[in-house]
């Protein structure tokens, strides 16, 4: 009986150790040997600061059009042109995995009647606690490891820039490992590219400063 109990204790210890090892920490984000999965951009809480009219080449925008057309278009563009956006380089990796269906689900559920605002104070409304709450509601569809995403907060026509929360998460535990607000300058021709470049510019800035985040 003693041998059985001893064996059981050892087995329990090994299982617990493996479970703890499977949990990721902030330090793992900066280890090039640890895989990272790009989850895309969550636009479900974004506010566009400026009138709904005159937003580029296609006139007036509506919340439904943003949700059904532009949110998917931006995320698809980032995957299609991953080397141009340099997603892997931003996190000091040779390559990253992709699972943008995670944020696609969140974006598809956006049901705001109005996402346009002329109140400049609405540019940064998402808090760090809000980020954690949003992540808790994600369906990672069985994926594990470290997920990397941007949570769009505000896009200002007047400032010509966008605010995002750059976020890393342990997909198994849904624990936010690191989240940091960054601003990206808008640029380019056409509504889609103009705002997509805010993400590109954030990723470019991350490449330079990433190691300083440790």
N, C-alpha and C. Protein backbone atom coordinates (compact mmCIF):
# COMPACT_ATOMS: atom_id res chain seq x y z
N UNK A 1 0.83 -1.21 0.00
CA UNK A 1 0.00 0.00 0.00
C UNK A 1 0.87 1.26 0.00
N UNK A 2 1.98 1.20 0.83
CA UNK A 2 2.87 2.34 0.90
C UNK A 2 3.49 2.63 -0.46
N UNK A 3 3.88 1.52 -1.17
CA UNK A 3 4.47 1.68 -2.50
C UNK A 3 3.46 2.30 -3.46
N UNK A 4 2.21 1.87 -3.34
CA UNK A 4 1.15 2.40 -4.21
C UNK A 4 0.94 3.90 -3.97
N UNK A 5 0.90 4.28 -2.67
CA UNK A 5 0.70 5.68 -2.32
C UNK A 5 1.88 6.53 -2.79
N UNK A 6 3.09 5.99 -2.61
CA UNK A 6 4.28 6.71 -3.03
C UNK A 6 4.27 6.92 -4.54
N UNK A 7 3.88 5.85 -5.26
CA UNK A 7 3.81 5.95 -6.71
C UNK A 7 2.78 6.95 -7.16
N UNK A 8 1.66 6.96 -6.46
CA UNK A 8 0.58 7.89 -6.81
C UNK A 8 1.01 9.33 -6.58
N UNK A 9 1.73 9.56 -5.48
CA UNK A 9 2.20 10.90 -5.17
C UNK A 9 3.19 11.39 -6.22
N UNK A 10 4.10 10.49 -6.63
CA UNK A 10 5.08 10.84 -7.66
C UNK A 10 4.39 11.15 -8.97
N UNK A 11 3.39 10.33 -9.33
CA UNK A 11 2.65 10.53 -10.58
C UNK A 11 1.91 11.87 -10.55
N UNK A 12 1.27 12.15 -9.40
CA UNK A 12 0.55 13.42 -9.25
C UNK A 12 1.51 14.59 -9.38
N UNK A 13 2.69 14.45 -8.80
CA UNK A 13 3.70 15.51 -8.88
C UNK A 13 4.13 15.75 -10.32
N UNK A 14 4.33 14.65 -11.06
CA UNK A 14 4.75 14.77 -12.46
C UNK A 14 3.68 15.43 -13.31
N UNK A 15 2.42 15.03 -13.08
CA UNK A 15 1.30 15.61 -13.84
C UNK A 15 1.19 17.10 -13.55
N UNK A 16 1.28 17.45 -12.25
CA UNK A 16 1.19 18.85 -11.86
C UNK A 16 2.33 19.66 -12.47
N UNK A 17 3.52 19.08 -12.48
CA UNK A 17 4.68 19.77 -13.05
C UNK A 17 4.50 20.02 -14.53
N UNK A 18 3.95 19.03 -15.24
CA UNK A 18 3.71 19.18 -16.68
C UNK A 18 2.65 20.25 -16.94
N UNK A 19 1.62 20.28 -16.09
CA UNK A 19 0.57 21.27 -16.25
C UNK A 19 1.11 22.68 -16.03
N UNK A 20 1.95 22.82 -15.01
CA UNK A 20 2.54 24.13 -14.74
C UNK A 20 3.46 24.55 -15.87
N UNK A 21 4.19 23.60 -16.41
CA UNK A 21 5.12 23.88 -17.50
C UNK A 21 4.36 24.33 -18.74
N UNK A 22 3.14 23.83 -18.89
CA UNK A 22 2.35 24.18 -20.07
C UNK A 22 1.80 25.59 -19.99
N UNK A 23 1.83 26.18 -18.79
CA UNK A 23 1.35 27.55 -18.64
C UNK A 23 2.46 28.52 -19.02
N UNK A 24 2.11 29.49 -19.84
CA UNK A 24 3.11 30.43 -20.32
C UNK A 24 3.17 31.68 -19.45
N UNK A 25 4.31 32.34 -19.48
CA UNK A 25 4.52 33.56 -18.72
C UNK A 25 4.93 34.67 -19.67
N UNK A 26 5.00 35.87 -19.14
CA UNK A 26 5.43 37.02 -19.94
C UNK A 26 6.82 36.78 -20.53
N UNK A 27 7.69 36.14 -19.78
CA UNK A 27 9.06 35.89 -20.25
C UNK A 27 9.09 35.06 -21.52
N UNK A 28 8.12 34.16 -21.69
CA UNK A 28 8.08 33.29 -22.87
C UNK A 28 7.84 34.07 -24.16
N UNK A 29 7.22 35.23 -24.04
CA UNK A 29 6.95 36.06 -25.22
C UNK A 29 8.25 36.43 -25.92
N UNK A 30 9.30 36.59 -25.15
CA UNK A 30 10.56 37.08 -25.68
C UNK A 30 11.56 35.97 -25.99
N UNK A 31 11.12 34.72 -25.89
CA UNK A 31 11.97 33.57 -26.23
C UNK A 31 11.68 33.16 -27.67
N UNK A 32 12.64 33.31 -28.54
CA UNK A 32 12.42 33.01 -29.96
C UNK A 32 12.07 31.56 -30.22
N UNK A 33 12.37 30.68 -29.26
CA UNK A 33 12.05 29.26 -29.41
C UNK A 33 10.58 28.95 -29.15
N UNK A 34 9.86 29.90 -28.57
CA UNK A 34 8.44 29.71 -28.25
C UNK A 34 7.59 30.23 -29.40
N UNK A 35 6.72 29.38 -29.92
CA UNK A 35 5.86 29.76 -31.04
C UNK A 35 4.85 30.83 -30.63
N UNK A 36 4.53 31.68 -31.58
CA UNK A 36 3.51 32.70 -31.38
C UNK A 36 2.50 32.61 -32.52
N UNK A 37 1.23 32.77 -32.18
CA UNK A 37 0.16 32.71 -33.17
C UNK A 37 -0.48 34.08 -33.32
N UNK A 38 -0.51 34.58 -34.56
CA UNK A 38 -1.15 35.86 -34.85
C UNK A 38 -2.65 35.65 -34.93
N UNK A 39 -3.39 36.35 -34.07
CA UNK A 39 -4.84 36.20 -33.99
C UNK A 39 -5.60 37.29 -34.73
N UNK A 40 -4.89 38.29 -35.24
CA UNK A 40 -5.52 39.35 -35.99
C UNK A 40 -5.85 40.56 -35.13
N UNK A 41 -6.77 41.37 -35.62
CA UNK A 41 -7.17 42.60 -34.92
C UNK A 41 -8.64 42.50 -34.53
N UNK A 42 -8.90 42.76 -33.27
CA UNK A 42 -10.27 42.78 -32.75
C UNK A 42 -10.78 44.23 -32.86
N UNK A 43 -11.78 44.44 -33.71
CA UNK A 43 -12.34 45.77 -33.92
C UNK A 43 -13.69 45.95 -33.20
N UNK A 44 -14.06 45.00 -32.39
CA UNK A 44 -15.43 44.99 -31.84
C UNK A 44 -15.74 46.16 -30.92
N UNK A 45 -14.70 46.81 -30.36
CA UNK A 45 -14.94 47.95 -29.46
C UNK A 45 -14.41 49.26 -30.03
N UNK A 46 -14.04 49.27 -31.30
CA UNK A 46 -13.42 50.46 -31.89
C UNK A 46 -14.41 51.62 -32.02
N UNK A 47 -13.90 52.83 -31.89
CA UNK A 47 -14.65 54.05 -32.15
C UNK A 47 -13.94 54.83 -33.24
N UNK A 48 -14.69 55.27 -34.23
CA UNK A 48 -14.15 56.12 -35.28
C UNK A 48 -14.46 57.57 -34.92
N UNK A 49 -13.42 58.34 -34.71
CA UNK A 49 -13.59 59.72 -34.28
C UNK A 49 -13.65 60.63 -35.51
N UNK A 50 -14.83 61.10 -35.79
CA UNK A 50 -15.07 61.93 -36.96
C UNK A 50 -16.43 61.58 -37.54
N UNK A 51 -16.98 62.42 -38.40
CA UNK A 51 -18.29 62.13 -38.99
C UNK A 51 -18.27 60.90 -39.88
N UNK A 52 -19.42 60.25 -40.01
CA UNK A 52 -19.50 59.04 -40.83
C UNK A 52 -19.32 59.34 -42.31
N UNK A 53 -19.48 60.59 -42.70
CA UNK A 53 -19.31 60.96 -44.10
C UNK A 53 -17.86 61.34 -44.38
N UNK A 54 -17.49 61.22 -45.64
CA UNK A 54 -16.17 61.67 -46.06
C UNK A 54 -15.02 60.84 -45.54
N UNK A 55 -15.26 59.55 -45.33
CA UNK A 55 -14.20 58.68 -44.81
C UNK A 55 -13.43 58.00 -45.94
N UNK A 56 -13.16 58.71 -46.99
CA UNK A 56 -12.33 58.12 -48.03
C UNK A 56 -13.04 58.00 -49.35
N UNK A 57 -12.73 56.97 -50.09
CA UNK A 57 -13.13 56.85 -51.48
C UNK A 57 -14.56 56.36 -51.67
N UNK A 58 -15.24 55.97 -50.62
CA UNK A 58 -16.56 55.38 -50.80
C UNK A 58 -17.66 56.09 -50.00
N UNK A 59 -17.41 57.34 -49.63
CA UNK A 59 -18.46 58.14 -49.01
C UNK A 59 -18.81 57.72 -47.60
N UNK A 60 -20.09 57.74 -47.30
CA UNK A 60 -20.58 57.48 -45.95
C UNK A 60 -20.39 56.03 -45.54
N UNK A 61 -19.97 55.83 -44.30
CA UNK A 61 -19.78 54.49 -43.77
C UNK A 61 -20.86 54.22 -42.73
N UNK A 62 -21.22 52.96 -42.56
CA UNK A 62 -22.20 52.56 -41.55
C UNK A 62 -21.56 51.49 -40.66
N UNK A 63 -22.05 51.31 -39.43
CA UNK A 63 -21.51 50.26 -38.56
C UNK A 63 -21.58 48.88 -39.21
N UNK A 64 -22.67 48.59 -39.90
CA UNK A 64 -22.82 47.29 -40.55
C UNK A 64 -21.79 47.09 -41.64
N UNK A 65 -21.55 48.12 -42.43
CA UNK A 65 -20.54 48.04 -43.50
C UNK A 65 -19.16 47.83 -42.90
N UNK A 66 -18.87 48.53 -41.82
CA UNK A 66 -17.56 48.36 -41.17
C UNK A 66 -17.40 46.91 -40.70
N UNK A 67 -18.43 46.38 -40.05
CA UNK A 67 -18.36 45.02 -39.51
C UNK A 67 -18.26 43.97 -40.60
N UNK A 68 -19.07 44.09 -41.63
CA UNK A 68 -19.17 43.03 -42.63
C UNK A 68 -18.17 43.15 -43.78
N UNK A 69 -17.68 44.36 -44.00
CA UNK A 69 -16.76 44.56 -45.12
C UNK A 69 -15.33 44.86 -44.69
N UNK A 70 -15.17 45.90 -43.89
CA UNK A 70 -13.82 46.36 -43.61
C UNK A 70 -13.09 45.57 -42.53
N UNK A 71 -13.80 45.15 -41.48
CA UNK A 71 -13.12 44.36 -40.46
C UNK A 71 -12.51 43.09 -41.06
N UNK A 72 -13.28 42.31 -41.84
CA UNK A 72 -12.67 41.12 -42.48
C UNK A 72 -11.59 41.50 -43.48
N UNK A 73 -11.81 42.57 -44.25
CA UNK A 73 -10.85 42.97 -45.28
C UNK A 73 -9.51 43.32 -44.67
N UNK A 74 -9.51 44.04 -43.55
CA UNK A 74 -8.25 44.41 -42.91
C UNK A 74 -7.51 43.17 -42.42
N UNK A 75 -8.20 42.26 -41.77
CA UNK A 75 -7.53 41.06 -41.26
C UNK A 75 -7.06 40.14 -42.38
N UNK A 76 -7.84 40.05 -43.44
CA UNK A 76 -7.42 39.23 -44.58
C UNK A 76 -6.17 39.82 -45.25
N UNK A 77 -6.14 41.13 -45.34
CA UNK A 77 -4.98 41.80 -45.94
C UNK A 77 -3.71 41.53 -45.14
N UNK A 78 -3.81 41.54 -43.83
CA UNK A 78 -2.64 41.32 -42.99
C UNK A 78 -2.10 39.91 -43.11
N UNK A 79 -2.98 38.95 -43.34
CA UNK A 79 -2.53 37.57 -43.55
C UNK A 79 -1.95 37.41 -44.95
N UNK A 80 -2.65 37.94 -45.93
CA UNK A 80 -2.21 37.84 -47.32
C UNK A 80 -0.86 38.51 -47.53
N UNK A 81 -0.65 39.62 -46.85
CA UNK A 81 0.58 40.37 -47.00
C UNK A 81 1.37 40.38 -45.69
N UNK A 82 1.45 39.21 -45.07
CA UNK A 82 2.12 39.08 -43.77
C UNK A 82 3.58 39.54 -43.83
N UNK A 83 4.24 39.28 -44.96
CA UNK A 83 5.65 39.69 -45.08
C UNK A 83 5.78 41.20 -45.21
N UNK A 84 4.77 41.82 -45.81
CA UNK A 84 4.79 43.28 -45.94
C UNK A 84 4.52 43.92 -44.57
N UNK A 85 3.58 43.35 -43.83
CA UNK A 85 3.28 43.87 -42.50
C UNK A 85 4.35 43.48 -41.49
N UNK A 86 5.13 42.45 -41.82
CA UNK A 86 6.25 42.01 -40.98
C UNK A 86 5.79 41.64 -39.57
N UNK A 87 4.74 40.82 -39.54
CA UNK A 87 4.18 40.40 -38.25
C UNK A 87 5.19 39.60 -37.45
N UNK A 88 5.85 38.64 -38.09
CA UNK A 88 6.83 37.80 -37.38
C UNK A 88 8.01 38.63 -36.87
N UNK A 89 8.48 39.55 -37.69
CA UNK A 89 9.62 40.38 -37.29
C UNK A 89 9.29 41.25 -36.09
N UNK A 90 8.03 41.63 -35.97
CA UNK A 90 7.62 42.49 -34.85
C UNK A 90 7.83 41.80 -33.51
N UNK A 91 7.75 40.46 -33.51
CA UNK A 91 7.91 39.70 -32.26
C UNK A 91 9.19 38.86 -32.28
N UNK A 92 10.13 39.28 -33.12
CA UNK A 92 11.45 38.63 -33.19
C UNK A 92 11.36 37.13 -33.47
N UNK A 93 10.52 36.78 -34.45
CA UNK A 93 10.38 35.39 -34.86
C UNK A 93 10.66 35.27 -36.36
N UNK A 94 11.11 34.08 -36.76
CA UNK A 94 11.31 33.82 -38.19
C UNK A 94 9.96 33.66 -38.88
N UNK A 95 8.98 33.17 -38.14
CA UNK A 95 7.63 32.99 -38.66
C UNK A 95 6.65 32.91 -37.50
N UNK A 96 5.38 33.13 -37.80
CA UNK A 96 4.33 32.96 -36.80
C UNK A 96 3.23 32.09 -37.38
N UNK A 97 2.43 31.53 -36.50
CA UNK A 97 1.25 30.79 -36.94
C UNK A 97 0.10 31.80 -37.12
N UNK A 98 -0.97 31.37 -37.77
CA UNK A 98 -2.10 32.26 -38.01
C UNK A 98 -3.40 31.60 -37.55
N UNK A 99 -4.22 32.38 -36.86
CA UNK A 99 -5.54 31.92 -36.43
C UNK A 99 -6.46 33.13 -36.30
N UNK A 100 -6.64 33.85 -37.39
CA UNK A 100 -7.44 35.08 -37.35
C UNK A 100 -8.94 34.80 -37.22
N UNK A 101 -9.32 33.52 -37.29
CA UNK A 101 -10.72 33.19 -37.07
C UNK A 101 -11.15 33.51 -35.64
N UNK A 102 -10.19 33.59 -34.73
CA UNK A 102 -10.51 33.91 -33.33
C UNK A 102 -11.07 35.33 -33.23
N UNK A 103 -10.38 36.30 -33.81
CA UNK A 103 -10.89 37.68 -33.76
C UNK A 103 -12.02 37.89 -34.76
N UNK A 104 -12.06 37.07 -35.82
CA UNK A 104 -13.16 37.18 -36.78
C UNK A 104 -14.49 36.93 -36.08
N UNK A 105 -14.51 35.97 -35.18
CA UNK A 105 -15.72 35.66 -34.42
C UNK A 105 -16.14 36.85 -33.56
N UNK A 106 -15.17 37.46 -32.90
CA UNK A 106 -15.45 38.61 -32.04
C UNK A 106 -15.97 39.78 -32.87
N UNK A 107 -15.34 40.01 -34.02
CA UNK A 107 -15.73 41.12 -34.89
C UNK A 107 -17.14 40.93 -35.45
N UNK A 108 -17.47 39.69 -35.79
CA UNK A 108 -18.78 39.40 -36.39
C UNK A 108 -19.92 39.64 -35.41
N UNK A 109 -19.60 39.61 -34.11
CA UNK A 109 -20.63 39.80 -33.08
C UNK A 109 -20.85 41.27 -32.73
N UNK A 110 -20.05 42.15 -33.31
CA UNK A 110 -20.19 43.58 -33.03
C UNK A 110 -21.56 44.05 -33.49
N UNK A 111 -22.34 44.58 -32.57
CA UNK A 111 -23.71 44.98 -32.92
C UNK A 111 -24.02 46.41 -32.49
N UNK A 112 -22.99 47.24 -32.46
CA UNK A 112 -23.20 48.64 -32.08
C UNK A 112 -24.07 49.36 -33.11
N UNK A 113 -24.97 50.18 -32.62
CA UNK A 113 -25.79 50.98 -33.54
C UNK A 113 -24.96 52.13 -34.11
N UNK A 114 -23.98 52.56 -33.32
CA UNK A 114 -23.16 53.67 -33.78
C UNK A 114 -21.72 53.52 -33.30
N UNK A 115 -20.79 53.48 -34.23
CA UNK A 115 -19.38 53.40 -33.86
C UNK A 115 -18.65 54.69 -34.23
N UNK A 116 -19.37 55.63 -34.83
CA UNK A 116 -18.78 56.92 -35.18
C UNK A 116 -19.08 57.93 -34.08
N UNK A 117 -18.09 58.73 -33.74
CA UNK A 117 -18.24 59.73 -32.70
C UNK A 117 -17.45 60.98 -33.07
N UNK A 118 -17.98 62.12 -32.71
CA UNK A 118 -17.25 63.37 -32.94
C UNK A 118 -16.69 63.91 -31.63
N UNK A 119 -16.69 63.07 -30.60
CA UNK A 119 -16.12 63.41 -29.29
C UNK A 119 -14.69 62.90 -29.23
N UNK A 120 -13.73 63.82 -29.21
CA UNK A 120 -12.32 63.40 -29.22
C UNK A 120 -11.97 62.59 -27.98
N UNK A 121 -12.77 62.71 -26.93
CA UNK A 121 -12.52 61.95 -25.71
C UNK A 121 -12.80 60.47 -25.88
N UNK A 122 -13.46 60.07 -26.96
CA UNK A 122 -13.77 58.66 -27.21
C UNK A 122 -12.62 57.91 -27.89
N UNK A 123 -11.51 58.62 -28.13
CA UNK A 123 -10.39 58.00 -28.84
C UNK A 123 -9.78 56.84 -28.06
N UNK A 124 -9.74 56.97 -26.73
CA UNK A 124 -9.15 55.92 -25.90
C UNK A 124 -10.09 55.59 -24.75
N UNK A 125 -11.00 54.67 -25.02
CA UNK A 125 -12.02 54.29 -24.04
C UNK A 125 -11.80 52.90 -23.44
N UNK A 126 -10.95 52.09 -24.07
CA UNK A 126 -10.74 50.70 -23.62
C UNK A 126 -9.65 50.69 -22.54
N UNK A 127 -9.94 50.06 -21.40
CA UNK A 127 -8.97 49.97 -20.31
C UNK A 127 -8.27 48.61 -20.34
N UNK A 128 -7.23 48.50 -19.56
CA UNK A 128 -6.51 47.23 -19.46
C UNK A 128 -7.44 46.14 -18.92
N UNK A 129 -8.31 46.51 -17.98
CA UNK A 129 -9.28 45.55 -17.44
C UNK A 129 -10.26 45.12 -18.52
N UNK A 130 -10.62 46.03 -19.40
CA UNK A 130 -11.52 45.70 -20.51
C UNK A 130 -10.88 44.66 -21.43
N UNK A 131 -9.58 44.81 -21.65
CA UNK A 131 -8.86 43.87 -22.51
C UNK A 131 -8.97 42.46 -21.94
N UNK A 132 -8.71 42.32 -20.64
CA UNK A 132 -8.81 41.01 -20.00
C UNK A 132 -10.22 40.44 -20.11
N UNK A 133 -11.21 41.28 -19.92
CA UNK A 133 -12.60 40.83 -20.02
C UNK A 133 -12.93 40.35 -21.43
N UNK A 134 -12.44 41.06 -22.44
CA UNK A 134 -12.68 40.66 -23.83
C UNK A 134 -12.04 39.32 -24.13
N UNK A 135 -10.81 39.14 -23.65
CA UNK A 135 -10.09 37.88 -23.90
C UNK A 135 -10.82 36.70 -23.26
N UNK A 136 -11.40 36.92 -22.09
CA UNK A 136 -12.11 35.85 -21.39
C UNK A 136 -13.29 35.33 -22.21
N UNK A 137 -13.82 36.16 -23.08
CA UNK A 137 -14.98 35.77 -23.89
C UNK A 137 -14.59 35.15 -25.23
N UNK A 138 -13.30 35.07 -25.51
CA UNK A 138 -12.85 34.50 -26.79
C UNK A 138 -13.04 32.99 -26.82
N UNK A 139 -13.28 32.49 -28.01
CA UNK A 139 -13.26 31.05 -28.26
C UNK A 139 -11.99 30.75 -29.05
N UNK A 140 -11.01 30.17 -28.37
CA UNK A 140 -9.74 29.87 -29.02
C UNK A 140 -9.77 28.55 -29.79
N UNK A 141 -10.89 27.89 -29.76
CA UNK A 141 -11.14 26.70 -30.59
C UNK A 141 -10.07 25.61 -30.40
N UNK A 142 -9.69 25.42 -29.16
CA UNK A 142 -8.74 24.36 -28.84
C UNK A 142 -7.29 24.72 -29.06
N UNK A 143 -7.03 25.91 -29.54
CA UNK A 143 -5.65 26.32 -29.79
C UNK A 143 -4.96 26.64 -28.47
N UNK A 144 -3.69 26.32 -28.40
CA UNK A 144 -2.90 26.59 -27.20
C UNK A 144 -1.63 27.34 -27.58
N UNK A 145 -0.89 27.75 -26.56
CA UNK A 145 0.33 28.51 -26.82
C UNK A 145 0.06 30.00 -26.64
N UNK A 146 0.97 30.81 -27.14
CA UNK A 146 0.86 32.26 -26.99
C UNK A 146 0.19 32.86 -28.22
N UNK A 147 -0.89 33.59 -27.99
CA UNK A 147 -1.57 34.30 -29.05
C UNK A 147 -1.19 35.77 -29.02
N UNK A 148 -1.13 36.37 -30.19
CA UNK A 148 -0.72 37.77 -30.34
C UNK A 148 -1.79 38.48 -31.17
N UNK A 149 -2.33 39.57 -30.64
CA UNK A 149 -3.37 40.30 -31.36
C UNK A 149 -3.31 41.78 -31.01
N UNK A 150 -4.04 42.55 -31.79
CA UNK A 150 -4.24 43.96 -31.50
C UNK A 150 -5.73 44.17 -31.24
N UNK A 151 -6.04 44.95 -30.22
CA UNK A 151 -7.42 45.33 -29.94
C UNK A 151 -7.58 46.79 -30.31
N UNK A 152 -8.35 47.04 -31.35
CA UNK A 152 -8.54 48.41 -31.84
C UNK A 152 -9.41 49.19 -30.86
N UNK A 153 -8.96 50.39 -30.56
CA UNK A 153 -9.64 51.22 -29.57
C UNK A 153 -10.26 52.46 -30.21
N UNK A 154 -9.46 53.21 -30.94
CA UNK A 154 -9.95 54.42 -31.59
C UNK A 154 -9.23 54.70 -32.88
N UNK A 155 -9.97 55.22 -33.87
CA UNK A 155 -9.38 55.64 -35.13
C UNK A 155 -9.81 57.08 -35.36
N UNK A 156 -8.86 57.98 -35.30
CA UNK A 156 -9.19 59.40 -35.37
C UNK A 156 -8.86 59.99 -36.73
N UNK A 157 -9.89 60.48 -37.37
CA UNK A 157 -9.71 61.12 -38.67
C UNK A 157 -8.90 62.41 -38.53
N UNK A 158 -9.18 63.16 -37.46
CA UNK A 158 -8.48 64.42 -37.25
C UNK A 158 -7.02 64.24 -36.91
N UNK A 159 -6.72 63.23 -36.07
CA UNK A 159 -5.34 62.97 -35.64
C UNK A 159 -4.57 62.16 -36.66
N UNK A 160 -5.30 61.54 -37.59
CA UNK A 160 -4.70 60.68 -38.61
C UNK A 160 -3.89 59.55 -37.98
N UNK A 161 -4.46 58.94 -36.95
CA UNK A 161 -3.81 57.82 -36.28
C UNK A 161 -4.84 56.97 -35.55
N UNK A 162 -4.40 55.80 -35.16
CA UNK A 162 -5.29 54.87 -34.45
C UNK A 162 -4.63 54.38 -33.17
N UNK A 163 -5.45 54.04 -32.20
CA UNK A 163 -4.97 53.53 -30.91
C UNK A 163 -5.35 52.06 -30.77
N UNK A 164 -4.37 51.26 -30.38
CA UNK A 164 -4.57 49.81 -30.21
C UNK A 164 -3.95 49.34 -28.90
N UNK A 165 -4.50 48.24 -28.39
CA UNK A 165 -3.85 47.52 -27.30
C UNK A 165 -3.12 46.31 -27.90
N UNK A 166 -1.81 46.34 -27.89
CA UNK A 166 -1.01 45.20 -28.35
C UNK A 166 -1.03 44.16 -27.23
N UNK A 167 -1.52 42.97 -27.54
CA UNK A 167 -1.84 42.01 -26.49
C UNK A 167 -1.29 40.62 -26.78
N UNK A 168 -0.73 40.01 -25.73
CA UNK A 168 -0.25 38.63 -25.79
C UNK A 168 -1.01 37.82 -24.74
N UNK A 169 -1.46 36.64 -25.12
CA UNK A 169 -2.31 35.86 -24.23
C UNK A 169 -1.95 34.39 -24.25
N UNK A 170 -2.05 33.74 -23.11
CA UNK A 170 -1.95 32.28 -23.03
C UNK A 170 -3.32 31.75 -23.44
N UNK A 171 -3.38 31.17 -24.63
CA UNK A 171 -4.67 30.78 -25.18
C UNK A 171 -5.37 29.68 -24.38
N UNK A 172 -4.61 28.85 -23.71
CA UNK A 172 -5.24 27.76 -22.95
C UNK A 172 -5.93 28.29 -21.70
N UNK A 173 -5.26 29.15 -20.97
CA UNK A 173 -5.80 29.66 -19.71
C UNK A 173 -6.59 30.96 -19.90
N UNK A 174 -6.47 31.57 -21.10
CA UNK A 174 -7.08 32.87 -21.41
C UNK A 174 -6.53 33.97 -20.51
N UNK A 175 -5.29 33.81 -20.10
CA UNK A 175 -4.63 34.80 -19.26
C UNK A 175 -3.87 35.79 -20.14
N UNK A 176 -4.08 37.07 -19.90
CA UNK A 176 -3.33 38.09 -20.62
C UNK A 176 -1.92 38.16 -20.03
N UNK A 177 -0.93 37.91 -20.86
CA UNK A 177 0.47 37.92 -20.41
C UNK A 177 1.07 39.31 -20.48
N UNK A 178 0.62 40.08 -21.46
CA UNK A 178 1.13 41.44 -21.64
C UNK A 178 0.17 42.21 -22.54
N UNK A 179 -0.14 43.41 -22.17
CA UNK A 179 -0.94 44.28 -23.04
C UNK A 179 -0.42 45.70 -22.89
N UNK A 180 -0.26 46.37 -24.00
CA UNK A 180 0.32 47.71 -24.00
C UNK A 180 -0.32 48.55 -25.09
N UNK A 181 -0.72 49.75 -24.74
CA UNK A 181 -1.35 50.65 -25.70
C UNK A 181 -0.28 51.26 -26.61
N UNK A 182 -0.59 51.28 -27.92
CA UNK A 182 0.30 51.90 -28.89
C UNK A 182 -0.51 52.68 -29.92
N UNK A 183 0.10 53.71 -30.48
CA UNK A 183 -0.54 54.50 -31.52
C UNK A 183 0.14 54.23 -32.85
N UNK A 184 -0.67 54.14 -33.90
CA UNK A 184 -0.15 53.91 -35.24
C UNK A 184 -0.60 55.00 -36.19
N UNK A 185 0.33 55.56 -36.94
CA UNK A 185 0.01 56.63 -37.88
C UNK A 185 -0.69 56.06 -39.10
N UNK A 186 -1.72 56.77 -39.58
CA UNK A 186 -2.43 56.35 -40.79
C UNK A 186 -1.71 56.90 -42.01
N UNK A 187 -1.81 56.16 -43.12
CA UNK A 187 -1.16 56.62 -44.35
C UNK A 187 -1.66 55.77 -45.52
N UNK A 188 -1.44 56.25 -46.72
CA UNK A 188 -1.81 55.47 -47.90
C UNK A 188 -3.06 55.98 -48.59
N UNK A 189 -3.34 55.37 -49.73
CA UNK A 189 -4.47 55.76 -50.57
C UNK A 189 -5.61 54.76 -50.41
N UNK A 190 -6.82 55.26 -50.27
CA UNK A 190 -7.99 54.39 -50.12
C UNK A 190 -8.28 54.11 -48.66
N UNK A 191 -9.54 53.99 -48.33
CA UNK A 191 -9.97 53.80 -46.94
C UNK A 191 -9.36 52.56 -46.31
N UNK A 192 -9.38 51.43 -47.03
CA UNK A 192 -8.84 50.18 -46.48
C UNK A 192 -7.37 50.32 -46.14
N UNK A 193 -6.57 50.76 -47.10
CA UNK A 193 -5.12 50.85 -46.89
C UNK A 193 -4.75 51.92 -45.88
N UNK A 194 -5.49 53.02 -45.89
CA UNK A 194 -5.19 54.14 -44.99
C UNK A 194 -5.18 53.67 -43.54
N UNK A 195 -6.20 52.91 -43.16
CA UNK A 195 -6.27 52.45 -41.77
C UNK A 195 -5.50 51.17 -41.52
N UNK A 196 -5.33 50.35 -42.53
CA UNK A 196 -4.51 49.14 -42.38
C UNK A 196 -3.08 49.51 -42.06
N UNK A 197 -2.63 50.63 -42.59
CA UNK A 197 -1.25 51.05 -42.36
C UNK A 197 -1.00 51.49 -40.92
N UNK A 198 -2.06 51.75 -40.16
CA UNK A 198 -1.85 52.04 -38.74
C UNK A 198 -1.31 50.81 -38.03
N UNK A 199 -1.78 49.63 -38.44
CA UNK A 199 -1.28 48.38 -37.88
C UNK A 199 0.15 48.14 -38.35
N UNK A 200 0.39 48.37 -39.62
CA UNK A 200 1.74 48.17 -40.16
C UNK A 200 2.76 49.04 -39.42
N UNK A 201 2.39 50.27 -39.12
CA UNK A 201 3.31 51.18 -38.45
C UNK A 201 3.53 50.79 -36.99
N UNK A 202 2.52 50.22 -36.36
CA UNK A 202 2.70 49.72 -35.00
C UNK A 202 3.65 48.53 -34.99
N UNK A 203 3.46 47.61 -35.93
CA UNK A 203 4.34 46.44 -36.01
C UNK A 203 5.77 46.85 -36.30
N UNK A 204 5.92 47.89 -37.11
CA UNK A 204 7.26 48.41 -37.41
C UNK A 204 7.92 48.97 -36.15
N UNK A 205 7.14 49.70 -35.36
CA UNK A 205 7.67 50.26 -34.11
C UNK A 205 7.99 49.15 -33.11
N UNK A 206 7.16 48.11 -33.09
CA UNK A 206 7.41 46.98 -32.19
C UNK A 206 8.74 46.31 -32.50
N UNK A 207 9.06 46.16 -33.78
CA UNK A 207 10.31 45.51 -34.18
C UNK A 207 11.51 46.21 -33.55
N UNK A 208 11.44 47.52 -33.45
CA UNK A 208 12.56 48.30 -32.89
C UNK A 208 12.62 48.20 -31.37
N UNK A 209 11.46 48.16 -30.72
CA UNK A 209 11.44 48.27 -29.26
C UNK A 209 11.09 46.99 -28.51
N UNK A 210 10.82 45.91 -29.24
CA UNK A 210 10.27 44.70 -28.63
C UNK A 210 11.09 44.20 -27.43
N UNK A 211 12.39 44.14 -27.58
CA UNK A 211 13.23 43.62 -26.51
C UNK A 211 13.19 44.49 -25.25
N UNK A 212 12.86 45.75 -25.43
CA UNK A 212 12.78 46.66 -24.28
C UNK A 212 11.52 46.44 -23.46
N UNK A 213 10.61 45.60 -23.98
CA UNK A 213 9.36 45.32 -23.25
C UNK A 213 9.55 44.26 -22.18
N UNK A 214 10.67 43.56 -22.20
CA UNK A 214 10.88 42.45 -21.27
C UNK A 214 10.79 42.90 -19.81
